[in-house]
Amino acid sequence: MYLISACLAGVNCRYNGGNNQCDWVKQFMKDKDCLLVCPEEMGGLSTPRPPSERIGSKVISKDGQDVTDNFLTGAEKSIQKAEETAAELEQEIAGN
């Protein structure tokens, strides 16, 4: 199972409502089990949203909001989803 950034797969979840579709990623996904994630959305941020950047240990949106917790939550949820999916695959393999 591969964890893929949803915007690289062509999902319109980027901060500006677009995507960063990458033909290489789309080709890579064709014959593989993939899980698409958008950590920003999983962290509770909307699409579209103001762009954000890391400043020291914080993530600050262009409009001055501290969105660090959103980014951390999204990252944690992405990791959790990957771990859950791996556990499901392990159970499936063990059952065969």
PDB file of N, CA and C in Angstrom:
ATOM      1  N   MET A   1       0.855  -1.176   0.000  1.00  0.00           N
ATOM      2  CA  MET A   1       0.000   0.000   0.000  1.00  0.00           C
ATOM      3  C   MET A   1       0.898   1.234   0.000  1.00  0.00           C
ATOM      4  N   TYR A   2       0.547   2.174  -0.828  1.00  0.00           N
ATOM      5  CA  TYR A   2       1.299   3.423  -0.918  1.00  0.00           C
ATOM      6  C   TYR A   2       0.421   4.580  -0.481  1.00  0.00           C
ATOM      7  N   LEU A   3       0.962   5.434   0.337  1.00  0.00           N
ATOM      8  CA  LEU A   3       0.285   6.650   0.775  1.00  0.00           C
ATOM      9  C   LEU A   3       0.696   7.751  -0.198  1.00  0.00           C
ATOM     10  N   ILE A   4      -0.280   8.351  -0.867  1.00  0.00           N
ATOM     11  CA  ILE A   4      -0.009   9.343  -1.912  1.00  0.00           C
ATOM     12  C   ILE A   4      -0.708  10.652  -1.562  1.00  0.00           C
ATOM     13  N   SER A   5      -0.010  11.744  -1.746  1.00  0.00           N
ATOM     14  CA  SER A   5      -0.610  13.060  -1.571  1.00  0.00           C
ATOM     15  C   SER A   5      -1.720  13.235  -2.605  1.00  0.00           C
ATOM     16  N   ALA A   6      -2.912  13.518  -2.129  1.00  0.00           N
ATOM     17  CA  ALA A   6      -4.077  13.610  -3.012  1.00  0.00           C
ATOM     18  C   ALA A   6      -3.887  14.656  -4.109  1.00  0.00           C
ATOM     19  N   CYS A   7      -3.255  15.774  -3.795  1.00  0.00           N
ATOM     20  CA  CYS A   7      -3.095  16.818  -4.818  1.00  0.00           C
ATOM     21  C   CYS A   7      -2.166  16.349  -5.935  1.00  0.00           C
ATOM     22  N   LEU A   8      -1.183  15.492  -5.622  1.00  0.00           N
ATOM     23  CA  LEU A   8      -0.302  14.962  -6.667  1.00  0.00           C
ATOM     24  C   LEU A   8      -1.034  13.977  -7.567  1.00  0.00           C
ATOM     25  N   ALA A   9      -2.111  13.395  -7.030  1.00  0.00           N
ATOM     26  CA  ALA A   9      -2.927  12.459  -7.810  1.00  0.00           C
ATOM     27  C   ALA A   9      -4.008  13.186  -8.611  1.00  0.00           C
ATOM     28  N   GLY A  10      -4.066  14.503  -8.488  1.00  0.00           N
ATOM     29  CA  GLY A  10      -5.020  15.280  -9.277  1.00  0.00           C
ATOM     30  C   GLY A  10      -6.263  15.711  -8.539  1.00  0.00           C
ATOM     31  N   VAL A  11      -6.357  15.460  -7.248  1.00  0.00           N
ATOM     32  CA  VAL A  11      -7.506  15.886  -6.451  1.00  0.00           C
ATOM     33  C   VAL A  11      -7.366  17.382  -6.157  1.00  0.00           C
ATOM     34  N   ASN A  12      -8.434  18.113  -6.349  1.00  0.00           N
ATOM     35  CA  ASN A  12      -8.406  19.568  -6.132  1.00  0.00           C
ATOM     36  C   ASN A  12      -8.532  19.893  -4.641  1.00  0.00           C
ATOM     37  N   CYS A  13      -7.431  19.703  -3.928  1.00  0.00           N
ATOM     38  CA  CYS A  13      -7.422  19.961  -2.490  1.00  0.00           C
ATOM     39  C   CYS A  13      -6.289  20.908  -2.094  1.00  0.00           C
ATOM     40  N   ARG A  14      -5.603  21.434  -3.074  1.00  0.00           N
ATOM     41  CA  ARG A  14      -4.513  22.366  -2.802  1.00  0.00           C
ATOM     42  C   ARG A  14      -5.080  23.646  -2.207  1.00  0.00           C
ATOM     43  N   TYR A  15      -4.258  24.431  -1.541  1.00  0.00           N
ATOM     44  CA  TYR A  15      -4.731  25.633  -0.845  1.00  0.00           C
ATOM     45  C   TYR A  15      -5.574  26.535  -1.736  1.00  0.00           C
ATOM     46  N   ASN A  16      -5.251  26.612  -3.029  1.00  0.00           N
ATOM     47  CA  ASN A  16      -5.978  27.499  -3.937  1.00  0.00           C
ATOM     48  C   ASN A  16      -7.141  26.816  -4.655  1.00  0.00           C
ATOM     49  N   GLY A  17      -7.455  25.596  -4.250  1.00  0.00           N
ATOM     50  CA  GLY A  17      -8.562  24.854  -4.861  1.00  0.00           C
ATOM     51  C   GLY A  17      -8.149  24.031  -6.064  1.00  0.00           C
ATOM     52  N   GLY A  18      -6.897  24.113  -6.441  1.00  0.00           N
ATOM     53  CA  GLY A  18      -6.391  23.334  -7.568  1.00  0.00           C
ATOM     54  C   GLY A  18      -5.680  22.085  -7.093  1.00  0.00           C
ATOM     55  N   ASN A  19      -4.812  21.589  -7.953  1.00  0.00           N
ATOM     56  CA  ASN A  19      -4.035  20.400  -7.613  1.00  0.00           C
ATOM     57  C   ASN A  19      -2.624  20.540  -8.171  1.00  0.00           C
ATOM     58  N   ASN A  20      -1.791  19.612  -7.832  1.00  0.00           N
ATOM     59  CA  ASN A  20      -0.417  19.544  -8.352  1.00  0.00           C
ATOM     60  C   ASN A  20      -0.239  18.234  -9.101  1.00  0.00           C
ATOM     61  N   GLN A  21      -1.226  17.907  -9.930  1.00  0.00           N
ATOM     62  CA  GLN A  21      -1.198  16.606 -10.596  1.00  0.00           C
ATOM     63  C   GLN A  21       0.152  16.357 -11.237  1.00  0.00           C
ATOM     64  N   CYS A  22       0.652  15.171 -10.986  1.00  0.00           N
ATOM     65  CA  CYS A  22       1.954  14.767 -11.499  1.00  0.00           C
ATOM     66  C   CYS A  22       1.750  13.515 -12.347  1.00  0.00           C
ATOM     67  N   ASP A  23       2.088  13.597 -13.618  1.00  0.00           N
ATOM     68  CA  ASP A  23       1.877  12.460 -14.508  1.00  0.00           C
ATOM     69  C   ASP A  23       2.637  11.226 -14.039  1.00  0.00           C
ATOM     70  N   TRP A  24       3.829  11.426 -13.482  1.00  0.00           N
ATOM     71  CA  TRP A  24       4.607  10.300 -12.994  1.00  0.00           C
ATOM     72  C   TRP A  24       3.862   9.589 -11.869  1.00  0.00           C
ATOM     73  N   VAL A  25       3.272  10.370 -10.957  1.00  0.00           N
ATOM     74  CA  VAL A  25       2.531   9.785  -9.838  1.00  0.00           C
ATOM     75  C   VAL A  25       1.308   9.039 -10.364  1.00  0.00           C
ATOM     76  N   LYS A  26       0.580   9.641 -11.283  1.00  0.00           N
ATOM     77  CA  LYS A  26      -0.603   8.972 -11.854  1.00  0.00           C
ATOM     78  C   LYS A  26      -0.217   7.650 -12.514  1.00  0.00           C
ATOM     79  N   GLN A  27       0.888   7.643 -13.237  1.00  0.00           N
ATOM     80  CA  GLN A  27       1.360   6.417 -13.883  1.00  0.00           C
ATOM     81  C   GLN A  27       1.762   5.385 -12.836  1.00  0.00           C
ATOM     82  N   PHE A  28       2.457   5.818 -11.804  1.00  0.00           N
ATOM     83  CA  PHE A  28       2.902   4.937 -10.725  1.00  0.00           C
ATOM     84  C   PHE A  28       1.714   4.256 -10.059  1.00  0.00           C
ATOM     85  N   MET A  29       0.625   4.977  -9.892  1.00  0.00           N
ATOM     86  CA  MET A  29      -0.543   4.476  -9.170  1.00  0.00           C
ATOM     87  C   MET A  29      -1.329   3.420  -9.944  1.00  0.00           C
ATOM     88  N   LYS A  30      -1.158   3.341 -11.236  1.00  0.00           N
ATOM     89  CA  LYS A  30      -2.017   2.500 -12.073  1.00  0.00           C
ATOM     90  C   LYS A  30      -2.103   1.050 -11.629  1.00  0.00           C
ATOM     91  N   ASP A  31      -1.014   0.451 -11.222  1.00  0.00           N
ATOM     92  CA  ASP A  31      -1.034  -0.976 -10.897  1.00  0.00           C
ATOM     93  C   ASP A  31      -0.694  -1.244  -9.437  1.00  0.00           C
ATOM     94  N   LYS A  32      -0.993  -0.259  -8.572  1.00  0.00           N
ATOM     95  CA  LYS A  32      -0.666  -0.392  -7.157  1.00  0.00           C
ATOM     96  C   LYS A  32      -1.856  -0.005  -6.293  1.00  0.00           C
ATOM     97  N   ASP A  33      -1.881  -0.560  -5.096  1.00  0.00           N
ATOM     98  CA  ASP A  33      -2.875  -0.142  -4.112  1.00  0.00           C
ATOM     99  C   ASP A  33      -2.380   1.148  -3.489  1.00  0.00           C
ATOM    100  N   CYS A  34      -3.204   2.186  -3.588  1.00  0.00           N
ATOM    101  CA  CYS A  34      -2.798   3.503  -3.087  1.00  0.00           C
ATOM    102  C   CYS A  34      -3.899   4.096  -2.221  1.00  0.00           C
ATOM    103  N   LEU A  35      -3.476   4.853  -1.250  1.00  0.00           N
ATOM    104  CA  LEU A  35      -4.372   5.584  -0.373  1.00  0.00           C
ATOM    105  C   LEU A  35      -4.068   7.054  -0.550  1.00  0.00           C
ATOM    106  N   LEU A  36      -5.050   7.823  -0.992  1.00  0.00           N
ATOM    107  CA  LEU A  36      -4.866   9.261  -1.200  1.00  0.00           C
ATOM    108  C   LEU A  36      -5.204  10.005   0.081  1.00  0.00           C
ATOM    109  N   VAL A  37      -4.336  10.932   0.464  1.00  0.00           N
ATOM    110  CA  VAL A  37      -4.572  11.731   1.664  1.00  0.00           C
ATOM    111  C   VAL A  37      -4.267  13.194   1.382  1.00  0.00           C
ATOM    112  N   CYS A  38      -5.002  14.051   2.055  1.00  0.00           N
ATOM    113  CA  CYS A  38      -4.699  15.478   2.084  1.00  0.00           C
ATOM    114  C   CYS A  38      -4.596  15.850   3.560  1.00  0.00           C
ATOM    115  N   PRO A  39      -3.380  15.897   4.091  1.00  0.00           N
ATOM    116  CA  PRO A  39      -3.230  16.197   5.509  1.00  0.00           C
ATOM    117  C   PRO A  39      -3.857  17.525   5.927  1.00  0.00           C
ATOM    118  N   GLU A  40      -3.814  18.514   5.053  1.00  0.00           N
ATOM    119  CA  GLU A  40      -4.390  19.809   5.414  1.00  0.00           C
ATOM    120  C   GLU A  40      -5.898  19.692   5.638  1.00  0.00           C
ATOM    121  N   GLU A  41      -6.581  19.007   4.720  1.00  0.00           N
ATOM    122  CA  GLU A  41      -8.026  18.818   4.892  1.00  0.00           C
ATOM    123  C   GLU A  41      -8.306  17.895   6.082  1.00  0.00           C
ATOM    124  N   MET A  42      -7.490  16.871   6.252  1.00  0.00           N
ATOM    125  CA  MET A  42      -7.680  15.953   7.371  1.00  0.00           C
ATOM    126  C   MET A  42      -7.449  16.660   8.701  1.00  0.00           C
ATOM    127  N   GLY A  43      -6.713  17.751   8.668  1.00  0.00           N
ATOM    128  CA  GLY A  43      -6.471  18.549   9.861  1.00  0.00           C
ATOM    129  C   GLY A  43      -7.527  19.617  10.094  1.00  0.00           C
ATOM    130  N   GLY A  44      -8.542  19.651   9.237  1.00  0.00           N
ATOM    131  CA  GLY A  44      -9.651  20.569   9.438  1.00  0.00           C
ATOM    132  C   GLY A  44      -9.592  21.865   8.643  1.00  0.00           C
ATOM    133  N   LEU A  45      -8.607  22.001   7.767  1.00  0.00           N
ATOM    134  CA  LEU A  45      -8.535  23.214   6.952  1.00  0.00           C
ATOM    135  C   LEU A  45      -9.422  23.061   5.725  1.00  0.00           C
ATOM    136  N   SER A  46      -9.957  24.161   5.263  1.00  0.00           N
ATOM    137  CA  SER A  46     -10.860  24.137   4.111  1.00  0.00           C
ATOM    138  C   SER A  46     -10.066  24.228   2.811  1.00  0.00           C
ATOM    139  N   THR A  47     -10.737  23.934   1.735  1.00  0.00           N
ATOM    140  CA  THR A  47     -10.200  24.150   0.394  1.00  0.00           C
ATOM    141  C   THR A  47     -11.240  24.962  -0.348  1.00  0.00           C
ATOM    142  N   PRO A  48     -10.857  26.124  -0.863  1.00  0.00           N
ATOM    143  CA  PRO A  48      -9.536  26.755  -0.764  1.00  0.00           C
ATOM    144  C   PRO A  48      -9.296  27.319   0.638  1.00  0.00           C
ATOM    145  N   ARG A  49      -8.038  27.680   0.874  1.00  0.00           N
ATOM    146  CA  ARG A  49      -7.613  28.242   2.156  1.00  0.00           C
ATOM    147  C   ARG A  49      -6.432  29.168   1.896  1.00  0.00           C
ATOM    148  N   PRO A  50      -6.163  30.083   2.805  1.00  0.00           N
ATOM    149  CA  PRO A  50      -4.985  30.928   2.621  1.00  0.00           C
ATOM    150  C   PRO A  50      -3.714  30.067   2.628  1.00  0.00           C
ATOM    151  N   PRO A  51      -2.748  30.408   1.794  1.00  0.00           N
ATOM    152  CA  PRO A  51      -1.491  29.659   1.824  1.00  0.00           C
ATOM    153  C   PRO A  51      -0.819  29.814   3.182  1.00  0.00           C
ATOM    154  N   SER A  52      -0.027  28.827   3.552  1.00  0.00           N
ATOM    155  CA  SER A  52       0.653  28.835   4.845  1.00  0.00           C
ATOM    156  C   SER A  52       2.122  28.512   4.645  1.00  0.00           C
ATOM    157  N   GLU A  53       2.914  28.957   5.612  1.00  0.00           N
ATOM    158  CA  GLU A  53       4.327  28.618   5.580  1.00  0.00           C
ATOM    159  C   GLU A  53       4.828  28.387   6.984  1.00  0.00           C
ATOM    160  N   ARG A  54       5.888  27.604   7.055  1.00  0.00           N
ATOM    161  CA  ARG A  54       6.501  27.328   8.352  1.00  0.00           C
ATOM    162  C   ARG A  54       7.389  28.497   8.731  1.00  0.00           C
ATOM    163  N   ILE A  55       7.181  28.977   9.942  1.00  0.00           N
ATOM    164  CA  ILE A  55       7.992  30.048  10.501  1.00  0.00           C
ATOM    165  C   ILE A  55       8.479  29.548  11.854  1.00  0.00           C
ATOM    166  N   GLY A  56       9.748  29.153  11.902  1.00  0.00           N
ATOM    167  CA  GLY A  56      10.264  28.525  13.113  1.00  0.00           C
ATOM    168  C   GLY A  56       9.563  27.204  13.346  1.00  0.00           C
ATOM    169  N   SER A  57       8.974  27.045  14.505  1.00  0.00           N
ATOM    170  CA  SER A  57       8.276  25.798  14.828  1.00  0.00           C
ATOM    171  C   SER A  57       6.774  25.901  14.589  1.00  0.00           C
ATOM    172  N   LYS A  58       6.326  26.989  14.020  1.00  0.00           N
ATOM    173  CA  LYS A  58       4.893  27.224  13.778  1.00  0.00           C
ATOM    174  C   LYS A  58       4.590  27.196  12.288  1.00  0.00           C
ATOM    175  N   VAL A  59       3.317  26.962  11.960  1.00  0.00           N
ATOM    176  CA  VAL A  59       2.827  27.105  10.592  1.00  0.00           C
ATOM    177  C   VAL A  59       1.812  28.238  10.633  1.00  0.00           C
ATOM    178  N   ILE A  60       2.077  29.277   9.874  1.00  0.00           N
ATOM    179  CA  ILE A  60       1.257  30.491   9.893  1.00  0.00           C
ATOM    180  C   ILE A  60       0.674  30.727   8.502  1.00  0.00           C
ATOM    181  N   SER A  61      -0.640  30.976   8.460  1.00  0.00           N
ATOM    182  CA  SER A  61      -1.280  31.261   7.183  1.00  0.00           C
ATOM    183  C   SER A  61      -0.982  32.698   6.768  1.00  0.00           C
ATOM    184  N   LYS A  62      -1.172  32.967   5.498  1.00  0.00           N
ATOM    185  CA  LYS A  62      -0.883  34.300   4.964  1.00  0.00           C
ATOM    186  C   LYS A  62      -1.695  35.381   5.678  1.00  0.00           C
ATOM    187  N   ASP A  63      -2.875  34.998   6.186  1.00  0.00           N
ATOM    188  CA  ASP A  63      -3.698  35.981   6.893  1.00  0.00           C
ATOM    189  C   ASP A  63      -3.369  36.055   8.388  1.00  0.00           C
ATOM    190  N   GLY A  64      -2.262  35.404   8.803  1.00  0.00           N
ATOM    191  CA  GLY A  64      -1.772  35.542  10.170  1.00  0.00           C
ATOM    192  C   GLY A  64      -2.265  34.519  11.174  1.00  0.00           C
ATOM    193  N   GLN A  65      -3.073  33.567  10.743  1.00  0.00           N
ATOM    194  CA  GLN A  65      -3.571  32.547  11.675  1.00  0.00           C
ATOM    195  C   GLN A  65      -2.508  31.485  11.933  1.00  0.00           C
ATOM    196  N   ASP A  66      -2.409  31.053  13.173  1.00  0.00           N
ATOM    197  CA  ASP A  66      -1.538  29.944  13.534  1.00  0.00           C
ATOM    198  C   ASP A  66      -2.299  28.652  13.233  1.00  0.00           C
ATOM    199  N   VAL A  67      -1.862  27.937  12.201  1.00  0.00           N
ATOM    200  CA  VAL A  67      -2.531  26.698  11.786  1.00  0.00           C
ATOM    201  C   VAL A  67      -1.650  25.476  12.093  1.00  0.00           C
ATOM    202  N   THR A  68      -0.718  25.662  13.015  1.00  0.00           N
ATOM    203  CA  THR A  68       0.189  24.576  13.389  1.00  0.00           C
ATOM    204  C   THR A  68      -0.583  23.344  13.827  1.00  0.00           C
ATOM    205  N   ASP A  69      -1.574  23.518  14.691  1.00  0.00           N
ATOM    206  CA  ASP A  69      -2.337  22.369  15.188  1.00  0.00           C
ATOM    207  C   ASP A  69      -3.053  21.643  14.059  1.00  0.00           C
ATOM    208  N   ASN A  70      -3.564  22.386  13.068  1.00  0.00           N
ATOM    209  CA  ASN A  70      -4.216  21.753  11.927  1.00  0.00           C
ATOM    210  C   ASN A  70      -3.237  20.874  11.154  1.00  0.00           C
ATOM    211  N   PHE A  71      -2.033  21.398  10.935  1.00  0.00           N
ATOM    212  CA  PHE A  71      -1.034  20.631  10.200  1.00  0.00           C
ATOM    213  C   PHE A  71      -0.592  19.404  10.988  1.00  0.00           C
ATOM    214  N   LEU A  72      -0.398  19.551  12.286  1.00  0.00           N
ATOM    215  CA  LEU A  72      -0.006  18.412  13.110  1.00  0.00           C
ATOM    216  C   LEU A  72      -1.107  17.355  13.164  1.00  0.00           C
ATOM    217  N   THR A  73      -2.348  17.793  13.329  1.00  0.00           N
ATOM    218  CA  THR A  73      -3.475  16.860  13.349  1.00  0.00           C
ATOM    219  C   THR A  73      -3.587  16.117  12.026  1.00  0.00           C
ATOM    220  N   GLY A  74      -3.458  16.837  10.924  1.00  0.00           N
ATOM    221  CA  GLY A  74      -3.529  16.208   9.605  1.00  0.00           C
ATOM    222  C   GLY A  74      -2.431  15.191   9.391  1.00  0.00           C
ATOM    223  N   ALA A  75      -1.234  15.518   9.848  1.00  0.00           N
ATOM    224  CA  ALA A  75      -0.116  14.576   9.730  1.00  0.00           C
ATOM    225  C   ALA A  75      -0.373  13.334  10.575  1.00  0.00           C
ATOM    226  N   GLU A  76      -0.858  13.535  11.796  1.00  0.00           N
ATOM    227  CA  GLU A  76      -1.157  12.402  12.675  1.00  0.00           C
ATOM    228  C   GLU A  76      -2.248  11.515  12.089  1.00  0.00           C
ATOM    229  N   LYS A  77      -3.300  12.135  11.539  1.00  0.00           N
ATOM    230  CA  LYS A  77      -4.388  11.355  10.940  1.00  0.00           C
ATOM    231  C   LYS A  77      -3.913  10.601   9.711  1.00  0.00           C
ATOM    232  N   SER A  78      -3.018  11.198   8.937  1.00  0.00           N
ATOM    233  CA  SER A  78      -2.464  10.517   7.759  1.00  0.00           C
ATOM    234  C   SER A  78      -1.672   9.292   8.179  1.00  0.00           C
ATOM    235  N   ILE A  79      -0.850   9.456   9.201  1.00  0.00           N
ATOM    236  CA  ILE A  79      -0.067   8.331   9.710  1.00  0.00           C
ATOM    237  C   ILE A  79      -0.992   7.240  10.252  1.00  0.00           C
ATOM    238  N   GLN A  80      -2.019   7.659  10.991  1.00  0.00           N
ATOM    239  CA  GLN A  80      -2.974   6.690  11.545  1.00  0.00           C
ATOM    240  C   GLN A  80      -3.651   5.918  10.424  1.00  0.00           C
ATOM    241  N   LYS A  81      -4.045   6.600   9.374  1.00  0.00           N
ATOM    242  CA  LYS A  81      -4.720   5.952   8.244  1.00  0.00           C
ATOM    243  C   LYS A  81      -3.784   4.942   7.588  1.00  0.00           C
ATOM    244  N   ALA A  82      -2.519   5.319   7.452  1.00  0.00           N
ATOM    245  CA  ALA A  82      -1.541   4.396   6.865  1.00  0.00           C
ATOM    246  C   ALA A  82      -1.365   3.169   7.745  1.00  0.00           C
ATOM    247  N   GLU A  83      -1.289   3.370   9.060  1.00  0.00           N
ATOM    248  CA  GLU A  83      -1.133   2.253   9.983  1.00  0.00           C
ATOM    249  C   GLU A  83      -2.360   1.351   9.970  1.00  0.00           C
ATOM    250  N   GLU A  84      -3.552   1.935   9.932  1.00  0.00           N
ATOM    251  CA  GLU A  84      -4.788   1.142   9.881  1.00  0.00           C
ATOM    252  C   GLU A  84      -4.834   0.315   8.604  1.00  0.00           C
ATOM    253  N   THR A  85      -4.464   0.909   7.500  1.00  0.00           N
ATOM    254  CA  THR A  85      -4.492   0.221   6.218  1.00  0.00           C
ATOM    255  C   THR A  85      -3.491  -0.924   6.212  1.00  0.00           C
ATOM    256  N   ALA A  86      -2.305  -0.693   6.763  1.00  0.00           N
ATOM    257  CA  ALA A  86      -1.301  -1.754   6.835  1.00  0.00           C
ATOM    258  C   ALA A  86      -1.806  -2.895   7.697  1.00  0.00           C
ATOM    259  N   ALA A  87      -2.465  -2.577   8.793  1.00  0.00           N
ATOM    260  CA  ALA A  87      -3.003  -3.616   9.674  1.00  0.00           C
ATOM    261  C   ALA A  87      -4.062  -4.432   8.943  1.00  0.00           C
ATOM    262  N   GLU A  88      -4.907  -3.770   8.156  1.00  0.00           N
ATOM    263  CA  GLU A  88      -5.928  -4.480   7.392  1.00  0.00           C
ATOM    264  C   GLU A  88      -5.280  -5.417   6.382  1.00  0.00           C
ATOM    265  N   LEU A  89      -4.219  -4.954   5.724  1.00  0.00           N
ATOM    266  CA  LEU A  89      -3.535  -5.792   4.749  1.00  0.00           C
ATOM    267  C   LEU A  89      -2.874  -6.992   5.428  1.00  0.00           C
ATOM    268  N   GLU A  90      -2.272  -6.760   6.598  1.00  0.00           N
ATOM    269  CA  GLU A  90      -1.632  -7.861   7.310  1.00  0.00           C
ATOM    270  C   GLU A  90      -2.659  -8.912   7.693  1.00  0.00           C
ATOM    271  N   GLN A  91      -3.847  -8.491   8.141  1.00  0.00           N
ATOM    272  CA  GLN A  91      -4.896  -9.434   8.512  1.00  0.00           C
ATOM    273  C   GLN A  91      -5.365 -10.213   7.297  1.00  0.00           C
ATOM    274  N   GLU A  92      -5.478  -9.529   6.155  1.00  0.00           N
ATOM    275  CA  GLU A  92      -5.928 -10.173   4.941  1.00  0.00           C
ATOM    276  C   GLU A  92      -4.921 -11.239   4.491  1.00  0.00           C
ATOM    277  N   ILE A  93      -3.634 -10.884   4.554  1.00  0.00           N
ATOM    278  CA  ILE A  93      -2.584 -11.827   4.158  1.00  0.00           C
ATOM    279  C   ILE A  93      -2.572 -13.015   5.109  1.00  0.00           C
ATOM    280  N   ALA A  94      -2.684 -12.772   6.399  1.00  0.00           N
ATOM    281  CA  ALA A  94      -2.668 -13.847   7.390  1.00  0.00           C
ATOM    282  C   ALA A  94      -3.860 -14.787   7.215  1.00  0.00           C
ATOM    283  N   GLY A  95      -4.984 -14.241   6.746  1.00  0.00           N
ATOM    284  CA  GLY A  95      -6.183 -15.043   6.585  1.00  0.00           C
ATOM    285  C   GLY A  95      -6.147 -15.950   5.357  1.00  0.00           C
ATOM    286  N   ASN A  96      -5.235 -15.720   4.451  1.00  0.00           N
ATOM    287  CA  ASN A  96      -5.151 -16.512   3.199  1.00  0.00           C
ATOM    288  C   ASN A  96      -4.293 -17.719   3.346  1.00  0.00           C
TER     289      ASN A  96
END
